Amino acid sequence: MCSGLTPSHNVVAFDSGTNVAIKTLRQRPDLLDQVAAWHHRECLRQGIQTTLAKRKTRLHKHLSTDNAIPQTWLALNARHLVGCISLVSYHLTPIASQEPEPEPLWLSNLYVQPDFRCTGVGTQLVDFVAAFARGVGESELWLMASEQTEFYHQRGWQLVRQARIAKQPVNVMRRAL
């Protein structure tokens, strides 16, 4: 079972003694290619048709925006990239019987290097983004997960409905902040 600790001033100490700093992609644009490669590989693994160029173009928006969203954060261990997470804004197509909802913020692209899984890095990234969203006045976050639903459920996320992305089933989840 994986567990994490709470953040303190963007540096997190884990039981293993590893320190992870959380920085924005804007602070480390030199890591954009690596993050884009992770996103691309994970999209393909999940059956989502994309290109590496498309992943890079989308991440460039995280560098150039004057607004808080979209944004990507990086988990760094001794200057080595070990994980990432993004916060984006887009509208979920409502169920036919529902009224359209305001455009929510979505947690997206959580990725942790295999050697750093179950060390708390993923939890720390999720908690960091939740604190950021609260700080900009959001009352909830959303995500879609085809895997790791239990990871999110254990961290307070609730299943809202199931949907399909690239013909693959996903769970749409929400977390009150």
N, C-alpha and C. Protein backbone atom coordinates (compact mmCIF):
# COMPACT_ATOMS: atom_id res chain seq x y z
N MET A 1 0.85 -1.18 0.00
CA MET A 1 0.00 0.00 0.00
C MET A 1 0.89 1.23 0.00
N CYS A 2 0.58 2.17 -0.86
CA CYS A 2 1.36 3.40 -0.95
C CYS A 2 0.79 4.43 0.01
N SER A 3 1.67 5.29 0.52
CA SER A 3 1.22 6.38 1.37
C SER A 3 2.11 7.58 1.17
N GLY A 4 1.63 8.76 1.51
CA GLY A 4 2.42 9.99 1.35
C GLY A 4 2.32 10.85 2.59
N LEU A 5 3.12 11.88 2.63
CA LEU A 5 3.12 12.83 3.72
C LEU A 5 2.66 14.17 3.21
N THR A 6 2.40 15.10 4.09
CA THR A 6 1.89 16.40 3.67
C THR A 6 3.02 17.33 3.26
N PRO A 7 2.73 18.30 2.33
CA PRO A 7 3.77 19.18 1.82
C PRO A 7 4.16 20.26 2.82
N SER A 8 5.37 20.76 2.66
CA SER A 8 5.84 21.87 3.45
C SER A 8 6.77 22.71 2.60
N HIS A 9 6.31 23.88 2.20
CA HIS A 9 7.12 24.83 1.44
C HIS A 9 7.71 24.24 0.16
N ASN A 10 6.95 23.47 -0.58
CA ASN A 10 7.33 22.90 -1.87
C ASN A 10 8.43 21.85 -1.78
N VAL A 11 8.87 21.46 -0.61
CA VAL A 11 9.84 20.38 -0.47
C VAL A 11 9.22 19.34 0.44
N VAL A 12 9.28 18.10 0.01
CA VAL A 12 8.61 17.03 0.72
C VAL A 12 9.64 15.98 1.11
N ALA A 13 9.67 15.60 2.38
CA ALA A 13 10.55 14.53 2.83
C ALA A 13 9.72 13.27 3.01
N PHE A 14 10.16 12.17 2.47
CA PHE A 14 9.46 10.90 2.58
C PHE A 14 10.21 9.98 3.51
N ASP A 15 9.55 8.91 3.89
CA ASP A 15 10.15 7.95 4.82
C ASP A 15 11.51 7.48 4.36
N SER A 16 11.72 7.41 3.05
CA SER A 16 12.99 6.92 2.52
C SER A 16 14.09 7.97 2.66
N GLY A 17 13.75 9.18 3.13
CA GLY A 17 14.74 10.24 3.26
C GLY A 17 14.91 11.03 1.97
N THR A 18 14.16 10.70 0.93
CA THR A 18 14.24 11.39 -0.34
C THR A 18 13.52 12.73 -0.25
N ASN A 19 14.14 13.79 -0.74
CA ASN A 19 13.50 15.10 -0.81
C ASN A 19 13.01 15.34 -2.23
N VAL A 20 11.76 15.75 -2.36
CA VAL A 20 11.18 16.06 -3.65
C VAL A 20 10.72 17.51 -3.62
N ALA A 21 11.20 18.28 -4.57
CA ALA A 21 10.75 19.66 -4.72
C ALA A 21 9.70 19.71 -5.81
N ILE A 22 8.67 20.50 -5.59
CA ILE A 22 7.63 20.67 -6.60
C ILE A 22 7.82 22.04 -7.23
N LYS A 23 8.04 22.04 -8.54
CA LYS A 23 8.26 23.26 -9.31
C LYS A 23 7.29 23.28 -10.47
N THR A 24 7.04 24.47 -11.01
CA THR A 24 6.19 24.56 -12.20
C THR A 24 7.03 24.28 -13.44
N LEU A 25 6.36 23.86 -14.48
CA LEU A 25 7.04 23.68 -15.77
C LEU A 25 7.58 25.02 -16.25
N ARG A 26 6.89 26.11 -15.89
CA ARG A 26 7.39 27.44 -16.24
C ARG A 26 8.75 27.71 -15.62
N GLN A 27 8.98 27.16 -14.43
CA GLN A 27 10.27 27.32 -13.76
C GLN A 27 11.35 26.44 -14.36
N ARG A 28 10.95 25.34 -14.99
CA ARG A 28 11.90 24.39 -15.58
C ARG A 28 11.48 24.02 -17.01
N PRO A 29 11.43 25.01 -17.93
CA PRO A 29 11.01 24.71 -19.30
C PRO A 29 11.95 23.75 -20.01
N ASP A 30 13.16 23.59 -19.50
CA ASP A 30 14.11 22.63 -20.08
C ASP A 30 13.61 21.19 -19.96
N LEU A 31 12.61 20.95 -19.11
CA LEU A 31 12.09 19.59 -18.91
C LEU A 31 10.83 19.31 -19.73
N LEU A 32 10.42 20.27 -20.56
CA LEU A 32 9.21 20.11 -21.36
C LEU A 32 9.28 18.87 -22.25
N ASP A 33 10.40 18.63 -22.90
CA ASP A 33 10.50 17.47 -23.80
C ASP A 33 10.29 16.15 -23.06
N GLN A 34 10.85 16.04 -21.85
CA GLN A 34 10.68 14.81 -21.08
C GLN A 34 9.23 14.62 -20.66
N VAL A 35 8.60 15.70 -20.18
CA VAL A 35 7.19 15.62 -19.77
C VAL A 35 6.32 15.26 -20.98
N ALA A 36 6.57 15.89 -22.12
CA ALA A 36 5.80 15.59 -23.33
C ALA A 36 5.98 14.12 -23.72
N ALA A 37 7.18 13.60 -23.59
CA ALA A 37 7.42 12.19 -23.92
C ALA A 37 6.63 11.27 -22.99
N TRP A 38 6.59 11.59 -21.69
CA TRP A 38 5.79 10.80 -20.75
C TRP A 38 4.32 10.85 -21.13
N HIS A 39 3.80 12.07 -21.37
CA HIS A 39 2.39 12.21 -21.74
C HIS A 39 2.07 11.42 -23.01
N HIS A 40 2.94 11.54 -24.00
CA HIS A 40 2.74 10.85 -25.27
C HIS A 40 2.71 9.33 -25.07
N ARG A 41 3.68 8.82 -24.36
CA ARG A 41 3.76 7.38 -24.12
C ARG A 41 2.52 6.87 -23.38
N GLU A 42 2.07 7.62 -22.37
CA GLU A 42 0.91 7.19 -21.60
C GLU A 42 -0.37 7.27 -22.43
N CYS A 43 -0.50 8.29 -23.27
CA CYS A 43 -1.68 8.38 -24.16
C CYS A 43 -1.73 7.17 -25.09
N LEU A 44 -0.61 6.85 -25.71
CA LEU A 44 -0.57 5.71 -26.62
C LEU A 44 -0.87 4.41 -25.88
N ARG A 45 -0.34 4.26 -24.68
CA ARG A 45 -0.57 3.06 -23.90
C ARG A 45 -2.06 2.89 -23.60
N GLN A 46 -2.77 4.01 -23.45
CA GLN A 46 -4.20 3.97 -23.14
C GLN A 46 -5.08 3.97 -24.39
N GLY A 47 -4.47 3.89 -25.56
CA GLY A 47 -5.24 3.81 -26.80
C GLY A 47 -5.66 5.16 -27.36
N ILE A 48 -5.10 6.24 -26.86
CA ILE A 48 -5.44 7.58 -27.35
C ILE A 48 -4.47 7.93 -28.47
N GLN A 49 -5.01 8.20 -29.64
CA GLN A 49 -4.18 8.55 -30.79
C GLN A 49 -3.69 9.99 -30.65
N THR A 50 -2.39 10.16 -30.70
CA THR A 50 -1.78 11.47 -30.54
C THR A 50 -0.41 11.45 -31.18
N THR A 51 0.25 12.59 -31.16
CA THR A 51 1.62 12.67 -31.63
C THR A 51 2.45 13.38 -30.56
N LEU A 52 3.73 13.14 -30.58
CA LEU A 52 4.62 13.83 -29.66
C LEU A 52 4.57 15.34 -29.91
N ALA A 53 4.48 15.75 -31.15
CA ALA A 53 4.38 17.18 -31.48
C ALA A 53 3.13 17.80 -30.85
N LYS A 54 2.03 17.07 -30.86
CA LYS A 54 0.79 17.58 -30.26
C LYS A 54 0.95 17.73 -28.75
N ARG A 55 1.59 16.77 -28.11
CA ARG A 55 1.84 16.85 -26.66
C ARG A 55 2.71 18.08 -26.35
N LYS A 56 3.73 18.31 -27.15
CA LYS A 56 4.61 19.47 -26.92
C LYS A 56 3.85 20.77 -27.12
N THR A 57 3.03 20.84 -28.16
CA THR A 57 2.25 22.06 -28.42
C THR A 57 1.33 22.36 -27.24
N ARG A 58 0.67 21.35 -26.73
CA ARG A 58 -0.22 21.55 -25.58
C ARG A 58 0.55 22.00 -24.35
N LEU A 59 1.71 21.41 -24.11
CA LEU A 59 2.50 21.80 -22.95
C LEU A 59 3.07 23.21 -23.09
N HIS A 60 3.34 23.65 -24.31
CA HIS A 60 3.82 25.02 -24.51
C HIS A 60 2.79 26.03 -24.00
N LYS A 61 1.51 25.69 -24.06
CA LYS A 61 0.47 26.57 -23.52
C LYS A 61 0.62 26.72 -22.01
N HIS A 62 1.20 25.74 -21.36
CA HIS A 62 1.42 25.80 -19.91
C HIS A 62 2.58 26.74 -19.58
N LEU A 63 3.40 27.03 -20.56
CA LEU A 63 4.51 27.96 -20.37
C LEU A 63 4.11 29.40 -20.66
N SER A 64 3.25 29.58 -21.65
CA SER A 64 3.01 30.91 -22.17
C SER A 64 1.79 31.62 -21.59
N THR A 65 0.96 30.93 -20.87
CA THR A 65 -0.26 31.55 -20.37
C THR A 65 0.03 32.56 -19.26
N ASP A 66 -0.73 33.64 -19.26
CA ASP A 66 -0.65 34.62 -18.18
C ASP A 66 -1.55 34.23 -17.03
N ASN A 67 -2.44 33.28 -17.28
CA ASN A 67 -3.37 32.83 -16.25
C ASN A 67 -2.78 31.66 -15.48
N ALA A 68 -3.46 31.28 -14.42
CA ALA A 68 -2.99 30.17 -13.60
C ALA A 68 -3.20 28.82 -14.28
N ILE A 69 -4.13 28.77 -15.25
CA ILE A 69 -4.51 27.51 -15.88
C ILE A 69 -4.38 27.66 -17.39
N PRO A 70 -3.84 26.73 -18.12
CA PRO A 70 -3.33 25.43 -17.68
C PRO A 70 -1.95 25.58 -17.01
N GLN A 71 -1.65 24.59 -16.20
CA GLN A 71 -0.40 24.61 -15.46
C GLN A 71 0.08 23.17 -15.25
N THR A 72 1.38 22.99 -15.28
CA THR A 72 1.98 21.68 -15.00
C THR A 72 3.02 21.85 -13.91
N TRP A 73 3.00 20.92 -12.96
CA TRP A 73 3.98 20.90 -11.88
C TRP A 73 4.86 19.67 -12.03
N LEU A 74 6.08 19.81 -11.57
CA LEU A 74 7.08 18.76 -11.67
C LEU A 74 7.56 18.36 -10.28
N ALA A 75 7.78 17.08 -10.08
CA ALA A 75 8.40 16.59 -8.85
C ALA A 75 9.86 16.30 -9.18
N LEU A 76 10.75 16.97 -8.46
CA LEU A 76 12.19 16.85 -8.72
C LEU A 76 12.89 16.28 -7.50
N ASN A 77 13.74 15.31 -7.73
CA ASN A 77 14.55 14.71 -6.69
C ASN A 77 16.00 14.98 -7.07
N ALA A 78 16.67 15.83 -6.32
CA ALA A 78 18.06 16.19 -6.62
C ALA A 78 18.21 16.62 -8.09
N ARG A 79 17.28 17.45 -8.54
CA ARG A 79 17.28 18.01 -9.89
C ARG A 79 16.89 17.02 -10.98
N HIS A 80 16.52 15.81 -10.60
CA HIS A 80 16.06 14.82 -11.57
C HIS A 80 14.55 14.79 -11.55
N LEU A 81 13.94 14.78 -12.71
CA LEU A 81 12.49 14.74 -12.84
C LEU A 81 11.99 13.35 -12.48
N VAL A 82 11.08 13.26 -11.49
CA VAL A 82 10.55 11.96 -11.08
C VAL A 82 9.04 11.87 -11.23
N GLY A 83 8.38 12.99 -11.52
CA GLY A 83 6.93 12.95 -11.69
C GLY A 83 6.40 14.28 -12.19
N CYS A 84 5.13 14.25 -12.59
CA CYS A 84 4.48 15.48 -13.06
C CYS A 84 2.97 15.35 -12.89
N ILE A 85 2.31 16.50 -12.96
CA ILE A 85 0.85 16.56 -12.88
C ILE A 85 0.42 17.87 -13.53
N SER A 86 -0.76 17.88 -14.13
CA SER A 86 -1.26 19.10 -14.77
C SER A 86 -2.64 19.44 -14.23
N LEU A 87 -2.98 20.71 -14.37
CA LEU A 87 -4.31 21.21 -14.06
C LEU A 87 -4.80 21.95 -15.30
N VAL A 88 -5.92 21.51 -15.84
CA VAL A 88 -6.45 22.08 -17.08
C VAL A 88 -7.92 22.42 -16.89
N SER A 89 -8.47 23.15 -17.85
CA SER A 89 -9.87 23.53 -17.79
C SER A 89 -10.52 23.16 -19.11
N TYR A 90 -11.53 22.33 -19.06
CA TYR A 90 -12.35 22.04 -20.21
C TYR A 90 -13.70 21.54 -19.76
N HIS A 91 -14.65 21.58 -20.66
CA HIS A 91 -16.03 21.27 -20.30
C HIS A 91 -16.36 19.83 -20.63
N LEU A 92 -16.94 19.14 -19.68
CA LEU A 92 -17.43 17.79 -19.86
C LEU A 92 -18.80 17.85 -20.51
N THR A 93 -19.00 17.08 -21.57
CA THR A 93 -20.30 17.05 -22.23
C THR A 93 -21.33 16.52 -21.24
N PRO A 94 -22.39 17.29 -20.99
CA PRO A 94 -23.37 16.86 -19.98
C PRO A 94 -24.18 15.66 -20.46
N ILE A 95 -24.70 14.92 -19.51
CA ILE A 95 -25.66 13.87 -19.80
C ILE A 95 -26.91 14.58 -20.32
N ALA A 96 -27.60 14.00 -21.27
CA ALA A 96 -28.71 14.65 -21.96
C ALA A 96 -29.72 15.30 -21.02
N SER A 97 -29.96 14.71 -19.87
CA SER A 97 -30.98 15.24 -18.96
C SER A 97 -30.45 16.34 -18.05
N GLN A 98 -29.16 16.66 -18.12
CA GLN A 98 -28.57 17.66 -17.23
C GLN A 98 -28.38 19.00 -17.92
N GLU A 99 -28.43 20.04 -17.13
CA GLU A 99 -28.07 21.37 -17.60
C GLU A 99 -26.55 21.45 -17.68
N PRO A 100 -26.00 22.23 -18.61
CA PRO A 100 -24.55 22.40 -18.65
C PRO A 100 -24.03 22.99 -17.34
N GLU A 101 -22.88 22.50 -16.92
CA GLU A 101 -22.27 22.97 -15.68
C GLU A 101 -21.17 23.97 -16.01
N PRO A 102 -20.77 24.77 -15.03
CA PRO A 102 -19.63 25.67 -15.25
C PRO A 102 -18.39 24.86 -15.63
N GLU A 103 -17.44 25.49 -16.28
CA GLU A 103 -16.23 24.80 -16.72
C GLU A 103 -15.34 24.49 -15.52
N PRO A 104 -15.24 23.22 -15.14
CA PRO A 104 -14.46 22.86 -13.96
C PRO A 104 -12.96 22.74 -14.27
N LEU A 105 -12.17 22.65 -13.21
CA LEU A 105 -10.75 22.37 -13.35
C LEU A 105 -10.55 20.86 -13.25
N TRP A 106 -9.64 20.36 -14.10
CA TRP A 106 -9.38 18.93 -14.18
C TRP A 106 -7.94 18.63 -13.83
N LEU A 107 -7.75 17.70 -12.93
CA LEU A 107 -6.44 17.14 -12.67
C LEU A 107 -6.14 16.22 -13.85
N SER A 108 -4.94 16.33 -14.41
CA SER A 108 -4.63 15.58 -15.61
C SER A 108 -3.16 15.17 -15.61
N ASN A 109 -2.88 14.10 -16.30
CA ASN A 109 -1.50 13.68 -16.59
C ASN A 109 -0.63 13.46 -15.36
N LEU A 110 -1.20 12.86 -14.32
CA LEU A 110 -0.36 12.47 -13.18
C LEU A 110 0.53 11.33 -13.64
N TYR A 111 1.82 11.52 -13.49
CA TYR A 111 2.77 10.47 -13.85
C TYR A 111 3.92 10.49 -12.84
N VAL A 112 4.30 9.31 -12.37
CA VAL A 112 5.44 9.16 -11.46
C VAL A 112 6.33 8.06 -12.03
N GLN A 113 7.62 8.34 -12.10
CA GLN A 113 8.59 7.35 -12.57
C GLN A 113 8.43 6.06 -11.77
N PRO A 114 8.52 4.90 -12.41
CA PRO A 114 8.31 3.64 -11.70
C PRO A 114 9.14 3.48 -10.42
N ASP A 115 10.39 3.90 -10.41
CA ASP A 115 11.22 3.76 -9.21
C ASP A 115 10.76 4.62 -8.04
N PHE A 116 9.87 5.60 -8.30
CA PHE A 116 9.41 6.50 -7.25
C PHE A 116 7.94 6.29 -6.90
N ARG A 117 7.33 5.26 -7.46
CA ARG A 117 5.94 4.96 -7.12
C ARG A 117 5.91 4.35 -5.72
N CYS A 118 4.82 4.58 -5.02
CA CYS A 118 4.63 4.11 -3.65
C CYS A 118 5.60 4.75 -2.66
N THR A 119 6.09 5.93 -3.00
CA THR A 119 6.93 6.70 -2.07
C THR A 119 6.22 7.96 -1.61
N GLY A 120 5.00 8.18 -2.09
CA GLY A 120 4.24 9.36 -1.73
C GLY A 120 4.30 10.48 -2.74
N VAL A 121 5.08 10.32 -3.81
CA VAL A 121 5.23 11.38 -4.80
C VAL A 121 3.89 11.68 -5.47
N GLY A 122 3.15 10.65 -5.89
CA GLY A 122 1.86 10.86 -6.54
C GLY A 122 0.87 11.55 -5.63
N THR A 123 0.79 11.10 -4.39
CA THR A 123 -0.10 11.74 -3.42
C THR A 123 0.29 13.19 -3.21
N GLN A 124 1.58 13.44 -3.11
CA GLN A 124 2.05 14.80 -2.89
C GLN A 124 1.68 15.72 -4.05
N LEU A 125 1.84 15.23 -5.26
CA LEU A 125 1.48 16.03 -6.42
C LEU A 125 -0.02 16.33 -6.44
N VAL A 126 -0.84 15.32 -6.17
CA VAL A 126 -2.30 15.52 -6.14
C VAL A 126 -2.67 16.53 -5.06
N ASP A 127 -2.11 16.39 -3.87
CA ASP A 127 -2.41 17.31 -2.77
C ASP A 127 -1.94 18.72 -3.07
N PHE A 128 -0.80 18.84 -3.72
CA PHE A 128 -0.27 20.16 -4.08
C PHE A 128 -1.21 20.87 -5.05
N VAL A 129 -1.68 20.15 -6.06
CA VAL A 129 -2.60 20.72 -7.04
C VAL A 129 -3.94 21.08 -6.37
N ALA A 130 -4.42 20.23 -5.46
CA ALA A 130 -5.66 20.54 -4.75
C ALA A 130 -5.51 21.83 -3.94
N ALA A 131 -4.39 22.00 -3.27
CA ALA A 131 -4.15 23.22 -2.49
C ALA A 131 -4.07 24.44 -3.41
N PHE A 132 -3.44 24.28 -4.56
CA PHE A 132 -3.37 25.37 -5.53
C PHE A 132 -4.78 25.77 -6.00
N ALA A 133 -5.59 24.77 -6.35
CA ALA A 133 -6.95 25.03 -6.83
C ALA A 133 -7.78 25.74 -5.75
N ARG A 134 -7.65 25.29 -4.50
CA ARG A 134 -8.34 25.96 -3.40
C ARG A 134 -7.89 27.42 -3.31
N GLY A 135 -6.60 27.64 -3.50
CA GLY A 135 -6.04 28.98 -3.41
C GLY A 135 -6.52 29.94 -4.48
N VAL A 136 -6.97 29.40 -5.63
CA VAL A 136 -7.51 30.26 -6.68
C VAL A 136 -9.04 30.27 -6.65
N GLY A 137 -9.62 29.78 -5.54
CA GLY A 137 -11.05 29.89 -5.33
C GLY A 137 -11.91 28.74 -5.82
N GLU A 138 -11.31 27.64 -6.21
CA GLU A 138 -12.08 26.48 -6.68
C GLU A 138 -12.62 25.69 -5.48
N SER A 139 -13.79 25.10 -5.66
CA SER A 139 -14.39 24.30 -4.59
C SER A 139 -14.33 22.81 -4.87
N GLU A 140 -13.92 22.44 -6.10
CA GLU A 140 -13.82 21.03 -6.45
C GLU A 140 -12.86 20.85 -7.63
N LEU A 141 -12.37 19.63 -7.75
CA LEU A 141 -11.55 19.22 -8.89
C LEU A 141 -12.19 17.99 -9.51
N TRP A 142 -11.90 17.79 -10.79
CA TRP A 142 -12.40 16.64 -11.53
C TRP A 142 -11.22 15.90 -12.14
N LEU A 143 -11.43 14.64 -12.48
CA LEU A 143 -10.45 13.86 -13.24
C LEU A 143 -11.13 12.72 -13.94
N MET A 144 -10.43 12.18 -14.93
CA MET A 144 -10.86 10.96 -15.61
C MET A 144 -9.73 9.95 -15.44
N ALA A 145 -10.09 8.75 -15.03
CA ALA A 145 -9.09 7.71 -14.80
C ALA A 145 -9.58 6.39 -15.37
N SER A 146 -8.73 5.79 -16.19
CA SER A 146 -9.05 4.44 -16.67
C SER A 146 -8.40 3.39 -15.77
N GLU A 147 -7.40 3.83 -15.05
CA GLU A 147 -6.67 2.97 -14.11
C GLU A 147 -6.50 3.75 -12.80
N GLN A 148 -6.06 3.08 -11.79
CA GLN A 148 -5.73 3.73 -10.52
C GLN A 148 -6.91 4.41 -9.85
N THR A 149 -8.13 3.98 -10.16
CA THR A 149 -9.30 4.59 -9.55
C THR A 149 -9.25 4.45 -8.03
N GLU A 150 -8.78 3.33 -7.54
CA GLU A 150 -8.70 3.11 -6.09
C GLU A 150 -7.72 4.10 -5.44
N PHE A 151 -6.62 4.41 -6.10
CA PHE A 151 -5.66 5.42 -5.62
C PHE A 151 -6.39 6.73 -5.33
N TYR A 152 -7.21 7.17 -6.28
CA TYR A 152 -7.94 8.43 -6.10
C TYR A 152 -9.05 8.30 -5.06
N HIS A 153 -9.76 7.19 -5.08
CA HIS A 153 -10.84 6.98 -4.12
C HIS A 153 -10.31 7.08 -2.68
N GLN A 154 -9.15 6.49 -2.43
CA GLN A 154 -8.55 6.53 -1.09
C GLN A 154 -8.13 7.95 -0.69
N ARG A 155 -8.10 8.86 -1.63
CA ARG A 155 -7.69 10.23 -1.37
C ARG A 155 -8.87 11.20 -1.46
N GLY A 156 -10.08 10.67 -1.32
CA GLY A 156 -11.27 11.51 -1.22
C GLY A 156 -12.01 11.78 -2.51
N TRP A 157 -11.63 11.15 -3.61
CA TRP A 157 -12.31 11.35 -4.88
C TRP A 157 -13.52 10.43 -4.93
N GLN A 158 -14.61 10.95 -5.52
CA GLN A 158 -15.86 10.18 -5.65
C GLN A 158 -16.16 9.92 -7.12
N LEU A 159 -16.59 8.71 -7.42
CA LEU A 159 -17.00 8.36 -8.78
C LEU A 159 -18.29 9.09 -9.11
N VAL A 160 -18.31 9.81 -10.24
CA VAL A 160 -19.50 10.55 -10.67
C VAL A 160 -20.22 9.77 -11.76
N ARG A 161 -19.46 9.29 -12.72
CA ARG A 161 -20.05 8.50 -13.81
C ARG A 161 -18.94 7.86 -14.62
N GLN A 162 -19.34 7.01 -15.54
CA GLN A 162 -18.40 6.42 -16.47
C GLN A 162 -18.61 7.06 -17.83
N ALA A 163 -17.52 7.16 -18.60
CA ALA A 163 -17.56 7.75 -19.93
C ALA A 163 -16.60 6.97 -20.81
N ARG A 164 -16.43 7.42 -22.04
CA ARG A 164 -15.49 6.78 -22.96
C ARG A 164 -14.57 7.85 -23.53
N ILE A 165 -13.29 7.54 -23.56
CA ILE A 165 -12.26 8.36 -24.20
C ILE A 165 -11.53 7.42 -25.16
N ALA A 166 -11.47 7.79 -26.43
CA ALA A 166 -10.84 6.95 -27.44
C ALA A 166 -11.38 5.51 -27.38
N LYS A 167 -12.69 5.41 -27.21
CA LYS A 167 -13.40 4.13 -27.15
C LYS A 167 -13.04 3.29 -25.92
N GLN A 168 -12.30 3.87 -24.97
CA GLN A 168 -11.93 3.17 -23.76
C GLN A 168 -12.77 3.68 -22.59
N PRO A 169 -13.23 2.80 -21.71
CA PRO A 169 -14.00 3.27 -20.56
C PRO A 169 -13.10 4.01 -19.57
N VAL A 170 -13.63 5.10 -19.02
CA VAL A 170 -12.93 5.87 -17.99
C VAL A 170 -13.93 6.18 -16.87
N ASN A 171 -13.41 6.38 -15.69
CA ASN A 171 -14.21 6.83 -14.57
C ASN A 171 -14.04 8.33 -14.42
N VAL A 172 -15.15 9.03 -14.39
CA VAL A 172 -15.12 10.48 -14.14
C VAL A 172 -15.30 10.65 -12.63
N MET A 173 -14.34 11.34 -12.02
CA MET A 173 -14.33 11.48 -10.57
C MET A 173 -14.26 12.95 -10.18
N ARG A 174 -14.74 13.23 -8.95
CA ARG A 174 -14.75 14.60 -8.45
C ARG A 174 -14.30 14.57 -6.99
N ARG A 175 -13.59 15.64 -6.60
CA ARG A 175 -13.16 15.78 -5.20
C ARG A 175 -13.49 17.19 -4.73
N ALA A 176 -14.24 17.27 -3.63
CA ALA A 176 -14.49 18.56 -3.00
C ALA A 176 -13.20 19.04 -2.35
N LEU A 177 -12.98 20.34 -2.42
CA LEU A 177 -11.74 20.91 -1.86
C LEU A 177 -11.98 21.57 -0.52
